[in-house]
Amino acid sequence: ALWLAENLRHAIIMGTLPPDEVILVDEVAD
């Protein structure tokens, strides 16, 4: 969980996951 949280934080900082982007549980899990 810590590893994945760091990866998602990095994606948010880099703009890969921009503001207001919907993140789906199933897509992240897959």
PDB file of all heavy atoms in Angstrom:
ATOM      1  N   ALA A   1       0.836  -1.211   0.000  1.00  0.00           N
ATOM      2  CA  ALA A   1       0.000   0.000   0.000  1.00  0.00           C
ATOM      3  C   ALA A   1       0.865   1.254   0.000  1.00  0.00           C
ATOM      4  O   ALA A   1       0.572   2.226  -0.712  1.00  0.00           O
ATOM      5  CB  ALA A   1      -0.952  -0.012   1.184  1.00  0.00           C
ATOM      6  N   LEU A   2       1.926   1.254   0.784  1.00  0.00           N
ATOM      7  CA  LEU A   2       2.826   2.411   0.810  1.00  0.00           C
ATOM      8  C   LEU A   2       3.489   2.617  -0.543  1.00  0.00           C
ATOM      9  O   LEU A   2       3.617   3.760  -1.012  1.00  0.00           O
ATOM     10  CB  LEU A   2       3.878   2.242   1.907  1.00  0.00           C
ATOM     11  CG  LEU A   2       3.350   2.250   3.339  1.00  0.00           C
ATOM     12  CD1 LEU A   2       4.472   1.913   4.316  1.00  0.00           C
ATOM     13  CD2 LEU A   2       2.716   3.587   3.667  1.00  0.00           C
ATOM     14  N   TRP A   3       3.901   1.525  -1.167  1.00  0.00           N
ATOM     15  CA  TRP A   3       4.517   1.589  -2.490  1.00  0.00           C
ATOM     16  C   TRP A   3       3.539   2.150  -3.524  1.00  0.00           C
ATOM     17  O   TRP A   3       3.882   3.034  -4.306  1.00  0.00           O
ATOM     18  CB  TRP A   3       4.989   0.195  -2.895  1.00  0.00           C
ATOM     19  CG  TRP A   3       5.382   0.070  -4.328  1.00  0.00           C
ATOM     20  CD1 TRP A   3       6.566   0.440  -4.886  1.00  0.00           C
ATOM     21  CD2 TRP A   3       4.585  -0.447  -5.387  1.00  0.00           C
ATOM     22  NE1 TRP A   3       6.558   0.173  -6.236  1.00  0.00           N
ATOM     23  CE2 TRP A   3       5.342  -0.374  -6.568  1.00  0.00           C
ATOM     24  CE3 TRP A   3       3.291  -0.965  -5.457  1.00  0.00           C
ATOM     25  CZ2 TRP A   3       4.844  -0.782  -7.802  1.00  0.00           C
ATOM     26  CZ3 TRP A   3       2.801  -1.379  -6.683  1.00  0.00           C
ATOM     27  CH2 TRP A   3       3.583  -1.294  -7.832  1.00  0.00           C
ATOM     28  N   LEU A   4       2.309   1.654  -3.502  1.00  0.00           N
ATOM     29  CA  LEU A   4       1.300   2.118  -4.453  1.00  0.00           C
ATOM     30  C   LEU A   4       0.925   3.570  -4.193  1.00  0.00           C
ATOM     31  O   LEU A   4       0.783   4.357  -5.136  1.00  0.00           O
ATOM     32  CB  LEU A   4       0.063   1.221  -4.395  1.00  0.00           C
ATOM     33  CG  LEU A   4      -1.083   1.588  -5.336  1.00  0.00           C
ATOM     34  CD1 LEU A   4      -0.611   1.683  -6.791  1.00  0.00           C
ATOM     35  CD2 LEU A   4      -2.212   0.587  -5.199  1.00  0.00           C
ATOM     36  N   ALA A   5       0.815   3.958  -2.943  1.00  0.00           N
ATOM     37  CA  ALA A   5       0.505   5.350  -2.608  1.00  0.00           C
ATOM     38  C   ALA A   5       1.586   6.277  -3.157  1.00  0.00           C
ATOM     39  O   ALA A   5       1.283   7.334  -3.725  1.00  0.00           O
ATOM     40  CB  ALA A   5       0.369   5.517  -1.099  1.00  0.00           C
ATOM     41  N   GLU A   6       2.842   5.877  -3.020  1.00  0.00           N
ATOM     42  CA  GLU A   6       3.938   6.689  -3.545  1.00  0.00           C
ATOM     43  C   GLU A   6       3.860   6.793  -5.069  1.00  0.00           C
ATOM     44  O   GLU A   6       4.087   7.858  -5.646  1.00  0.00           O
ATOM     45  CB  GLU A   6       5.286   6.105  -3.105  1.00  0.00           C
ATOM     46  CG  GLU A   6       6.469   6.957  -3.490  1.00  0.00           C
ATOM     47  CD  GLU A   6       6.418   8.362  -2.896  1.00  0.00           C
ATOM     48  OE1 GLU A   6       5.914   8.544  -1.780  1.00  0.00           O
ATOM     49  OE2 GLU A   6       6.886   9.294  -3.589  1.00  0.00           O
ATOM     50  N   ASN A   7       3.524   5.696  -5.732  1.00  0.00           N
ATOM     51  CA  ASN A   7       3.377   5.716  -7.192  1.00  0.00           C
ATOM     52  C   ASN A   7       2.243   6.645  -7.633  1.00  0.00           C
ATOM     53  O   ASN A   7       2.396   7.402  -8.601  1.00  0.00           O
ATOM     54  CB  ASN A   7       3.129   4.303  -7.724  1.00  0.00           C
ATOM     55  CG  ASN A   7       4.407   3.549  -7.946  1.00  0.00           C
ATOM     56  OD1 ASN A   7       5.050   3.686  -8.965  1.00  0.00           O
ATOM     57  ND2 ASN A   7       4.800   2.770  -6.958  1.00  0.00           N
ATOM     58  N   LEU A   8       1.122   6.593  -6.940  1.00  0.00           N
ATOM     59  CA  LEU A   8      -0.001   7.465  -7.307  1.00  0.00           C
ATOM     60  C   LEU A   8       0.300   8.927  -6.992  1.00  0.00           C
ATOM     61  O   LEU A   8      -0.049   9.817  -7.771  1.00  0.00           O
ATOM     62  CB  LEU A   8      -1.279   7.000  -6.620  1.00  0.00           C
ATOM     63  CG  LEU A   8      -1.815   5.645  -7.095  1.00  0.00           C
ATOM     64  CD1 LEU A   8      -3.079   5.263  -6.334  1.00  0.00           C
ATOM     65  CD2 LEU A   8      -2.072   5.638  -8.591  1.00  0.00           C
ATOM     66  N   ARG A   9       0.975   9.198  -5.872  1.00  0.00           N
ATOM     67  CA  ARG A   9       1.403  10.578  -5.567  1.00  0.00           C
ATOM     68  C   ARG A   9       2.306  11.109  -6.681  1.00  0.00           C
ATOM     69  O   ARG A   9       2.149  12.245  -7.135  1.00  0.00           O
ATOM     70  CB  ARG A   9       2.170  10.628  -4.244  1.00  0.00           C
ATOM     71  CG  ARG A   9       1.324  10.768  -3.045  1.00  0.00           C
ATOM     72  CD  ARG A   9       2.197  11.053  -1.801  1.00  0.00           C
ATOM     73  NE  ARG A   9       1.580  10.411  -0.675  1.00  0.00           N
ATOM     74  CZ  ARG A   9       1.943   9.246  -0.160  1.00  0.00           C
ATOM     75  NH1 ARG A   9       2.979   8.589  -0.629  1.00  0.00           N
ATOM     76  NH2 ARG A   9       1.296   8.736   0.860  1.00  0.00           N
ATOM     77  N   HIS A  10       3.237  10.288  -7.123  1.00  0.00           N
ATOM     78  CA  HIS A  10       4.142  10.686  -8.203  1.00  0.00           C
ATOM     79  C   HIS A  10       3.349  10.983  -9.480  1.00  0.00           C
ATOM     80  O   HIS A  10       3.628  11.972 -10.170  1.00  0.00           O
ATOM     81  CB  HIS A  10       5.175   9.588  -8.441  1.00  0.00           C
ATOM     82  CG  HIS A  10       6.171   9.914  -9.496  1.00  0.00           C
ATOM     83  ND1 HIS A  10       7.126  10.898  -9.345  1.00  0.00           N
ATOM     84  CD2 HIS A  10       6.351   9.404 -10.741  1.00  0.00           C
ATOM     85  CE1 HIS A  10       7.844  10.981 -10.446  1.00  0.00           C
ATOM     86  NE2 HIS A  10       7.406  10.082 -11.310  1.00  0.00           N
ATOM     87  N   ALA A  11       2.374  10.153  -9.787  1.00  0.00           N
ATOM     88  CA  ALA A  11       1.544  10.373 -10.985  1.00  0.00           C
ATOM     89  C   ALA A  11       0.757  11.681 -10.875  1.00  0.00           C
ATOM     90  O   ALA A  11       0.583  12.397 -11.862  1.00  0.00           O
ATOM     91  CB  ALA A  11       0.591   9.192 -11.190  1.00  0.00           C
ATOM     92  N   ILE A  12       0.311  12.013  -9.668  1.00  0.00           N
ATOM     93  CA  ILE A  12      -0.410  13.277  -9.462  1.00  0.00           C
ATOM     94  C   ILE A  12       0.549  14.454  -9.634  1.00  0.00           C
ATOM     95  O   ILE A  12       0.241  15.424 -10.339  1.00  0.00           O
ATOM     96  CB  ILE A  12      -1.090  13.298  -8.078  1.00  0.00           C
ATOM     97  CG1 ILE A  12      -2.228  12.265  -8.035  1.00  0.00           C
ATOM     98  CG2 ILE A  12      -1.616  14.694  -7.748  1.00  0.00           C
ATOM     99  CD1 ILE A  12      -2.777  11.992  -6.642  1.00  0.00           C
ATOM    100  N   ILE A  13       1.715  14.380  -9.032  1.00  0.00           N
ATOM    101  CA  ILE A  13       2.711  15.452  -9.129  1.00  0.00           C
ATOM    102  C   ILE A  13       3.143  15.664 -10.575  1.00  0.00           C
ATOM    103  O   ILE A  13       3.273  16.798 -11.038  1.00  0.00           O
ATOM    104  CB  ILE A  13       3.939  15.140  -8.241  1.00  0.00           C
ATOM    105  CG1 ILE A  13       3.549  15.235  -6.772  1.00  0.00           C
ATOM    106  CG2 ILE A  13       5.111  16.062  -8.563  1.00  0.00           C
ATOM    107  CD1 ILE A  13       4.585  14.655  -5.816  1.00  0.00           C
ATOM    108  N   MET A  14       3.353  14.578 -11.314  1.00  0.00           N
ATOM    109  CA  MET A  14       3.820  14.666 -12.701  1.00  0.00           C
ATOM    110  C   MET A  14       2.703  15.036 -13.676  1.00  0.00           C
ATOM    111  O   MET A  14       2.970  15.317 -14.840  1.00  0.00           O
ATOM    112  CB  MET A  14       4.466  13.343 -13.120  1.00  0.00           C
ATOM    113  CG  MET A  14       5.691  12.966 -12.302  1.00  0.00           C
ATOM    114  SD  MET A  14       6.954  14.267 -12.235  1.00  0.00           S
ATOM    115  CE  MET A  14       7.467  14.330 -13.931  1.00  0.00           C
ATOM    116  N   GLY A  15       1.458  15.030 -13.214  1.00  0.00           N
ATOM    117  CA  GLY A  15       0.344  15.400 -14.085  1.00  0.00           C
ATOM    118  C   GLY A  15      -0.244  14.239 -14.856  1.00  0.00           C
ATOM    119  O   GLY A  15      -1.165  14.419 -15.655  1.00  0.00           O
ATOM    120  N   THR A  16       0.276  13.050 -14.652  1.00  0.00           N
ATOM    121  CA  THR A  16      -0.296  11.867 -15.286  1.00  0.00           C
ATOM    122  C   THR A  16      -1.720  11.654 -14.791  1.00  0.00           C
ATOM    123  O   THR A  16      -2.585  11.206 -15.537  1.00  0.00           O
ATOM    124  CB  THR A  16       0.562  10.619 -14.975  1.00  0.00           C
ATOM    125  OG1 THR A  16       1.909  10.907 -15.319  1.00  0.00           O
ATOM    126  CG2 THR A  16       0.093   9.411 -15.753  1.00  0.00           C
ATOM    127  N   LEU A  17      -1.944  11.961 -13.522  1.00  0.00           N
ATOM    128  CA  LEU A  17      -3.286  11.987 -12.936  1.00  0.00           C
ATOM    129  C   LEU A  17      -3.585  13.453 -12.609  1.00  0.00           C
ATOM    130  O   LEU A  17      -3.219  13.948 -11.543  1.00  0.00           O
ATOM    131  CB  LEU A  17      -3.352  11.133 -11.671  1.00  0.00           C
ATOM    132  CG  LEU A  17      -3.241   9.629 -11.855  1.00  0.00           C
ATOM    133  CD1 LEU A  17      -3.146   8.928 -10.495  1.00  0.00           C
ATOM    134  CD2 LEU A  17      -4.428   9.095 -12.642  1.00  0.00           C
ATOM    135  N   PRO A  18      -4.210  14.180 -13.541  1.00  0.00           N
ATOM    136  CA  PRO A  18      -4.447  15.609 -13.344  1.00  0.00           C
ATOM    137  C   PRO A  18      -5.580  15.884 -12.347  1.00  0.00           C
ATOM    138  O   PRO A  18      -6.358  14.975 -12.034  1.00  0.00           O
ATOM    139  CB  PRO A  18      -4.820  16.087 -14.744  1.00  0.00           C
ATOM    140  CG  PRO A  18      -5.391  14.892 -15.414  1.00  0.00           C
ATOM    141  CD  PRO A  18      -4.669  13.714 -14.835  1.00  0.00           C
ATOM    142  N   PRO A  19      -5.686  17.123 -11.871  1.00  0.00           N
ATOM    143  CA  PRO A  19      -6.779  17.489 -10.966  1.00  0.00           C
ATOM    144  C   PRO A  19      -8.142  17.128 -11.570  1.00  0.00           C
ATOM    145  O   PRO A  19      -8.344  17.242 -12.784  1.00  0.00           O
ATOM    146  CB  PRO A  19      -6.633  19.003 -10.825  1.00  0.00           C
ATOM    147  CG  PRO A  19      -5.182  19.247 -11.089  1.00  0.00           C
ATOM    148  CD  PRO A  19      -4.790  18.239 -12.125  1.00  0.00           C
ATOM    149  N   ASP A  20      -9.030  16.690 -10.707  1.00  0.00           N
ATOM    150  CA  ASP A  20     -10.401  16.303 -11.059  1.00  0.00           C
ATOM    151  C   ASP A  20     -10.493  15.011 -11.861  1.00  0.00           C
ATOM    152  O   ASP A  20     -11.580  14.635 -12.294  1.00  0.00           O
ATOM    153  CB  ASP A  20     -11.145  17.435 -11.782  1.00  0.00           C
ATOM    154  CG  ASP A  20     -11.249  18.681 -10.915  1.00  0.00           C
ATOM    155  OD1 ASP A  20     -11.548  18.528  -9.713  1.00  0.00           O
ATOM    156  OD2 ASP A  20     -11.026  19.791 -11.423  1.00  0.00           O
ATOM    157  N   GLU A  21      -9.382  14.323 -12.057  1.00  0.00           N
ATOM    158  CA  GLU A  21      -9.389  13.027 -12.734  1.00  0.00           C
ATOM    159  C   GLU A  21     -10.040  11.992 -11.820  1.00  0.00           C
ATOM    160  O   GLU A  21      -9.735  11.914 -10.637  1.00  0.00           O
ATOM    161  CB  GLU A  21      -7.961  12.607 -13.054  1.00  0.00           C
ATOM    162  CG  GLU A  21      -7.828  11.252 -13.696  1.00  0.00           C
ATOM    163  CD  GLU A  21      -8.011  11.316 -15.204  1.00  0.00           C
ATOM    164  OE1 GLU A  21      -8.033  12.427 -15.759  1.00  0.00           O
ATOM    165  OE2 GLU A  21      -8.099  10.247 -15.804  1.00  0.00           O
ATOM    166  N   VAL A  22     -10.926  11.186 -12.372  1.00  0.00           N
ATOM    167  CA  VAL A  22     -11.536  10.097 -11.618  1.00  0.00           C
ATOM    168  C   VAL A  22     -10.608   8.889 -11.697  1.00  0.00           C
ATOM    169  O   VAL A  22     -10.167   8.501 -12.776  1.00  0.00           O
ATOM    170  CB  VAL A  22     -12.934   9.743 -12.185  1.00  0.00           C
ATOM    171  CG1 VAL A  22     -13.506   8.532 -11.473  1.00  0.00           C
ATOM    172  CG2 VAL A  22     -13.872  10.940 -12.066  1.00  0.00           C
ATOM    173  N   ILE A  23     -10.304   8.315 -10.540  1.00  0.00           N
ATOM    174  CA  ILE A  23      -9.455   7.135 -10.458  1.00  0.00           C
ATOM    175  C   ILE A  23     -10.345   5.971 -10.030  1.00  0.00           C
ATOM    176  O   ILE A  23     -10.966   6.027  -8.972  1.00  0.00           O
ATOM    177  CB  ILE A  23      -8.335   7.314  -9.416  1.00  0.00           C
ATOM    178  CG1 ILE A  23      -7.601   8.632  -9.594  1.00  0.00           C
ATOM    179  CG2 ILE A  23      -7.363   6.156  -9.465  1.00  0.00           C
ATOM    180  CD1 ILE A  23      -6.674   8.964  -8.440  1.00  0.00           C
ATOM    181  N   LEU A  24     -10.400   4.934 -10.833  1.00  0.00           N
ATOM    182  CA  LEU A  24     -11.249   3.785 -10.540  1.00  0.00           C
ATOM    183  C   LEU A  24     -10.464   2.701  -9.800  1.00  0.00           C
ATOM    184  O   LEU A  24      -9.341   2.368 -10.194  1.00  0.00           O
ATOM    185  CB  LEU A  24     -11.839   3.208 -11.822  1.00  0.00           C
ATOM    186  CG  LEU A  24     -12.711   4.163 -12.632  1.00  0.00           C
ATOM    187  CD1 LEU A  24     -13.137   3.503 -13.935  1.00  0.00           C
ATOM    188  CD2 LEU A  24     -13.930   4.590 -11.826  1.00  0.00           C
ATOM    189  N   VAL A  25     -11.063   2.164  -8.758  1.00  0.00           N
ATOM    190  CA  VAL A  25     -10.431   1.126  -7.955  1.00  0.00           C
ATOM    191  C   VAL A  25     -10.004  -0.050  -8.830  1.00  0.00           C
ATOM    192  O   VAL A  25      -8.867  -0.512  -8.759  1.00  0.00           O
ATOM    193  CB  VAL A  25     -11.374   0.649  -6.826  1.00  0.00           C
ATOM    194  CG1 VAL A  25     -10.823  -0.595  -6.142  1.00  0.00           C
ATOM    195  CG2 VAL A  25     -11.600   1.762  -5.820  1.00  0.00           C
ATOM    196  N   ASP A  26     -10.922  -0.532  -9.656  1.00  0.00           N
ATOM    197  CA  ASP A  26     -10.626  -1.705 -10.487  1.00  0.00           C
ATOM    198  C   ASP A  26      -9.482  -1.460 -11.466  1.00  0.00           C
ATOM    199  O   ASP A  26      -8.653  -2.343 -11.687  1.00  0.00           O
ATOM    200  CB  ASP A  26     -11.866  -2.163 -11.251  1.00  0.00           C
ATOM    201  CG  ASP A  26     -12.925  -2.759 -10.333  1.00  0.00           C
ATOM    202  OD1 ASP A  26     -12.581  -3.168  -9.204  1.00  0.00           O
ATOM    203  OD2 ASP A  26     -14.091  -2.820 -10.756  1.00  0.00           O
ATOM    204  N   GLU A  27      -9.418  -0.269 -12.037  1.00  0.00           N
ATOM    205  CA  GLU A  27      -8.348   0.041 -12.985  1.00  0.00           C
ATOM    206  C   GLU A  27      -6.987   0.097 -12.294  1.00  0.00           C
ATOM    207  O   GLU A  27      -5.998  -0.409 -12.828  1.00  0.00           O
ATOM    208  CB  GLU A  27      -8.628   1.362 -13.706  1.00  0.00           C
ATOM    209  CG  GLU A  27      -9.736   1.250 -14.731  1.00  0.00           C
ATOM    210  CD  GLU A  27      -9.968   2.552 -15.486  1.00  0.00           C
ATOM    211  OE1 GLU A  27      -9.189   3.524 -15.305  1.00  0.00           O
ATOM    212  OE2 GLU A  27     -10.943   2.591 -16.255  1.00  0.00           O
ATOM    213  N   VAL A  28      -6.946   0.701 -11.121  1.00  0.00           N
ATOM    214  CA  VAL A  28      -5.689   0.771 -10.368  1.00  0.00           C
ATOM    215  C   VAL A  28      -5.261  -0.637  -9.955  1.00  0.00           C
ATOM    216  O   VAL A  28      -4.103  -1.023 -10.120  1.00  0.00           O
ATOM    217  CB  VAL A  28      -5.815   1.698  -9.139  1.00  0.00           C
ATOM    218  CG1 VAL A  28      -4.560   1.633  -8.272  1.00  0.00           C
ATOM    219  CG2 VAL A  28      -6.089   3.128  -9.576  1.00  0.00           C
ATOM    220  N   ALA A  29      -6.212  -1.407  -9.449  1.00  0.00           N
ATOM    221  CA  ALA A  29      -5.907  -2.782  -9.022  1.00  0.00           C
ATOM    222  C   ALA A  29      -5.365  -3.604 -10.189  1.00  0.00           C
ATOM    223  O   ALA A  29      -4.375  -4.325 -10.041  1.00  0.00           O
ATOM    224  CB  ALA A  29      -7.155  -3.438  -8.430  1.00  0.00           C
ATOM    225  N   ASP A  30      -5.987  -3.491 -11.350  1.00  0.00           N
ATOM    226  CA  ASP A  30      -5.529  -4.229 -12.526  1.00  0.00           C
ATOM    227  C   ASP A  30      -4.161  -3.735 -13.007  1.00  0.00           C
ATOM    228  O   ASP A  30      -3.279  -4.531 -13.309  1.00  0.00           O
ATOM    229  CB  ASP A  30      -6.544  -4.124 -13.666  1.00  0.00           C
ATOM    230  CG  ASP A  30      -7.826  -4.895 -13.397  1.00  0.00           C
ATOM    231  OD1 ASP A  30      -7.845  -5.756 -12.487  1.00  0.00           O
ATOM    232  OD2 ASP A  30      -8.823  -4.628 -14.100  1.00  0.00           O
TER     233      ASP A  30
END
